[in-house]
Amino acid sequence: MFAGSGPKPRYVIPDVSELQLLFAQYNNEWFGGEIPTHRIAYNARFSNLAGRITYKPPLIELSPKHFTHRPEALRETLLHEMIHAWLYARGQNPGHTAAFKQKMRQLGLRSIYHDLGSAAPRRESEKRFILRCERCTMELLRKRKPPILISCGRCSRNRYDPRYPLRVLEVLDVREVEAPRQAAHTLGTT
């Protein structure tokens, strides 16, 4: 499944119905049909993780950004999340335990970690807004401009208070800056 014409073909990721079929196929082939049905969906907001599972409701979410250039990772990630579901269905700890790693080896998966790195957003938001409280200096980053006047949640205690308004600042330009080349410090340490 490749689309486009040029030197580097781009992989077209399976749609959600194809993912459901893959789930059913892998469930029968590798788990003896023991995993209850899970809804499989893409979550385009994921940039630092390739997949995630929730048990109630039963849902496996996958990052479409990570698989566009690494189609082989889709199978590995789906199977990884299915191992969590399989252990949970059997009443076992669904974490990265010894049982989890043993099942991974049976499926030919190498590591619990997805070496996919961070995926850049498919479409960068053109506008960002900073909401700032002048009293406590709290700042919030928002994609949309608030439609109404709002006040600081820290300072105003559960309702709008005109004494503590949040200033709305629009970010018009984003540019990369070079870090200073001095002694290396880790953020958060003294």
Protein backbone atom coordinates (compact mmCIF):
# COMPACT_ATOMS: atom_id res chain seq x y z
CA MET A 1 0.00 0.00 0.00
CA PHE A 2 2.05 2.87 -1.29
CA ALA A 3 0.80 6.14 -2.76
CA GLY A 4 2.38 8.97 -4.65
CA SER A 5 5.01 9.09 -7.34
CA GLY A 6 8.52 10.15 -6.66
CA PRO A 7 11.76 8.83 -5.33
CA LYS A 8 10.36 8.05 -1.87
CA PRO A 9 6.97 6.30 -1.84
CA ARG A 10 4.80 7.07 1.16
CA TYR A 11 3.05 4.28 3.00
CA VAL A 12 -0.71 4.65 3.30
CA ILE A 13 -1.70 3.41 6.74
CA PRO A 14 -4.65 0.99 7.02
CA ASP A 15 -8.01 2.49 7.81
CA VAL A 16 -9.81 1.70 11.06
CA SER A 17 -11.83 -1.18 9.60
CA GLU A 18 -8.60 -2.81 8.38
CA LEU A 19 -7.12 -2.35 11.87
CA GLN A 20 -10.14 -4.16 13.35
CA LEU A 21 -9.54 -7.04 10.95
CA LEU A 22 -5.85 -7.15 11.91
CA PHE A 23 -6.85 -7.22 15.58
CA ALA A 24 -9.20 -10.18 14.96
CA GLN A 25 -6.58 -11.99 12.87
CA TYR A 26 -3.79 -11.52 15.44
CA ASN A 27 -6.14 -12.42 18.28
CA ASN A 28 -6.96 -15.77 16.68
CA GLU A 29 -3.45 -16.47 15.44
CA TRP A 30 -1.40 -15.47 18.50
CA PHE A 31 -3.79 -15.34 21.46
CA GLY A 32 -6.24 -18.17 20.76
CA GLY A 33 -9.11 -15.65 20.55
CA GLU A 34 -8.80 -14.91 24.29
CA ILE A 35 -8.76 -11.11 23.97
CA PRO A 36 -12.20 -9.51 24.19
CA THR A 37 -13.09 -7.17 21.35
CA HIS A 38 -11.37 -3.80 21.56
CA ARG A 39 -12.13 -0.79 19.44
CA ILE A 40 -9.03 0.17 17.46
CA ALA A 41 -8.61 3.84 16.58
CA TYR A 42 -6.02 6.34 15.49
CA ASN A 43 -5.17 9.26 17.75
CA ALA A 44 -3.47 12.01 15.78
CA ARG A 45 -2.56 13.90 18.97
CA PHE A 46 0.05 11.28 19.91
CA SER A 47 3.56 12.49 19.24
CA ASN A 48 5.62 10.83 21.97
CA LEU A 49 3.95 7.44 22.03
CA ALA A 50 3.08 4.99 19.31
CA GLY A 51 0.19 3.25 21.04
CA ARG A 52 -1.94 3.17 24.17
CA ILE A 53 -4.52 0.82 25.63
CA THR A 54 -7.45 1.48 27.94
CA TYR A 55 -9.43 -1.36 29.46
CA LYS A 56 -12.68 0.42 30.30
CA PRO A 57 -13.80 1.11 27.63
CA PRO A 58 -11.72 -1.46 25.75
CA LEU A 59 -9.77 0.70 23.32
CA ILE A 60 -6.40 0.55 21.59
CA GLU A 61 -5.22 3.86 20.14
CA LEU A 62 -2.38 4.13 17.64
CA SER A 63 -0.42 7.12 16.38
CA PRO A 64 -0.84 7.53 12.61
CA LYS A 65 2.20 9.85 12.50
CA HIS A 66 4.59 7.13 13.62
CA PHE A 67 3.53 4.58 11.00
CA THR A 68 3.47 6.70 7.84
CA HIS A 69 7.23 6.28 7.45
CA ARG A 70 7.66 3.04 9.44
CA PRO A 71 4.86 0.67 8.32
CA GLU A 72 6.53 -2.37 9.91
CA ALA A 73 6.14 -0.75 13.32
CA LEU A 74 2.34 -0.88 13.08
CA ARG A 75 2.27 -4.67 13.50
CA GLU A 76 4.72 -4.54 16.41
CA THR A 77 2.82 -1.78 18.19
CA LEU A 78 -0.58 -3.41 17.74
CA LEU A 79 0.76 -6.73 19.04
CA HIS A 80 2.43 -4.93 21.95
CA GLU A 81 -0.88 -3.36 23.00
CA MET A 82 -2.68 -6.68 22.46
CA ILE A 83 -0.32 -8.39 24.92
CA HIS A 84 -1.47 -5.87 27.54
CA ALA A 85 -5.11 -6.70 26.69
CA TRP A 86 -4.44 -10.45 26.77
CA LEU A 87 -2.82 -10.33 30.21
CA TYR A 88 -5.65 -8.13 31.53
CA ALA A 89 -8.27 -10.57 30.15
CA ARG A 90 -6.52 -13.43 31.97
CA GLY A 91 -6.58 -11.52 35.26
CA GLN A 92 -2.82 -11.02 35.27
CA ASN A 93 -0.82 -7.84 35.73
CA PRO A 94 -0.96 -6.16 32.28
CA GLY A 95 2.27 -4.21 32.84
CA HIS A 96 5.68 -4.96 31.33
CA THR A 97 6.18 -7.99 33.57
CA ALA A 98 8.07 -11.23 32.96
CA ALA A 99 4.89 -12.77 31.50
CA PHE A 100 4.57 -9.80 29.13
CA LYS A 101 8.18 -10.17 27.98
CA GLN A 102 7.80 -13.94 27.53
CA LYS A 103 4.79 -13.42 25.25
CA MET A 104 6.75 -10.77 23.34
CA ARG A 105 9.52 -13.27 22.65
CA GLN A 106 6.94 -15.82 21.44
CA LEU A 107 5.64 -13.24 18.97
CA GLY A 108 9.12 -12.28 17.81
CA LEU A 109 9.04 -8.79 19.30
CA ARG A 110 12.42 -7.53 20.48
CA SER A 111 11.81 -4.82 23.04
CA ILE A 112 9.07 -3.26 25.14
CA TYR A 113 10.25 0.11 23.84
CA HIS A 114 9.16 1.54 20.51
CA ASP A 115 12.23 3.10 18.95
CA LEU A 116 10.17 5.46 16.80
CA GLY A 117 11.20 8.76 18.35
CA SER A 118 8.85 11.71 18.46
CA ALA A 119 6.67 12.41 15.47
CA ALA A 120 6.24 15.95 14.25
CA PRO A 121 2.64 17.15 14.07
CA ARG A 122 0.99 16.48 10.72
CA ARG A 123 -0.17 20.08 10.61
CA GLU A 124 1.37 22.71 12.82
CA SER A 125 -1.14 25.06 14.38
CA GLU A 126 -0.73 28.56 12.97
CA LYS A 127 -1.89 30.39 16.08
CA ARG A 128 -1.24 29.83 19.72
CA PHE A 129 -2.45 31.83 22.67
CA ILE A 130 -0.89 32.33 26.07
CA LEU A 131 -3.23 32.99 28.99
CA ARG A 132 -1.33 34.78 31.74
CA CYS A 133 -2.29 35.74 35.29
CA GLU A 134 -0.43 38.86 36.35
CA ARG A 135 -0.98 38.11 40.05
CA CYS A 136 0.45 34.58 40.37
CA THR A 137 2.34 34.52 37.01
CA MET A 138 0.70 31.26 35.93
CA GLU A 139 0.70 30.76 32.15
CA LEU A 140 -1.39 28.41 30.04
CA LEU A 141 -0.86 27.63 26.36
CA ARG A 142 -4.02 27.28 24.26
CA LYS A 143 -4.68 26.60 20.60
CA ARG A 144 -7.82 28.72 20.55
CA LYS A 145 -8.60 32.16 21.86
CA PRO A 146 -11.02 31.96 24.79
CA PRO A 147 -14.48 33.11 23.65
CA ILE A 148 -15.29 34.84 26.97
CA LEU A 149 -13.54 36.69 29.75
CA ILE A 150 -11.88 34.26 32.12
CA SER A 151 -10.08 34.57 35.40
CA CYS A 152 -7.21 32.66 36.97
CA GLY A 153 -8.30 29.36 38.49
CA ARG A 154 -5.60 29.55 41.15
CA CYS A 155 -6.51 33.06 42.29
CA SER A 156 -10.28 33.16 41.83
CA ARG A 157 -11.35 29.86 43.42
CA ASN A 158 -13.90 28.10 41.20
CA ARG A 159 -15.73 31.06 39.61
CA TYR A 160 -15.07 34.09 37.50
CA ASP A 161 -13.58 36.96 39.47
CA PRO A 162 -12.85 40.21 37.57
CA ARG A 163 -10.03 41.01 40.03
CA TYR A 164 -7.90 38.17 38.56
CA PRO A 165 -8.37 38.27 34.77
CA LEU A 166 -6.19 36.18 32.50
CA ARG A 167 -4.46 38.28 29.86
CA VAL A 168 -4.69 36.72 26.41
CA LEU A 169 -1.50 36.99 24.35
CA GLU A 170 -1.31 35.80 20.76
CA VAL A 171 1.92 34.13 19.62
CA LEU A 172 2.58 35.35 16.08
CA ASP A 173 5.99 33.86 15.36
CA VAL A 174 7.80 30.69 16.33
CA ARG A 175 11.48 30.36 15.64
CA GLU A 176 14.21 28.07 16.85
CA VAL A 177 16.84 29.57 19.13
CA GLU A 178 20.28 28.22 19.79
CA ALA A 179 21.03 27.11 23.33
CA PRO A 180 24.03 28.74 25.03
CA ARG A 181 27.23 26.72 24.82
CA GLN A 182 28.23 26.85 28.46
CA ALA A 183 28.36 24.27 31.20
CA ALA A 184 25.63 21.67 30.68
CA HIS A 185 22.88 21.76 33.29
CA THR A 186 19.91 19.47 33.59
CA LEU A 187 16.59 21.20 34.02
CA GLY A 188 15.09 20.67 37.46
CA THR A 189 18.39 20.06 39.28
CA THR A 190 20.31 22.40 41.52
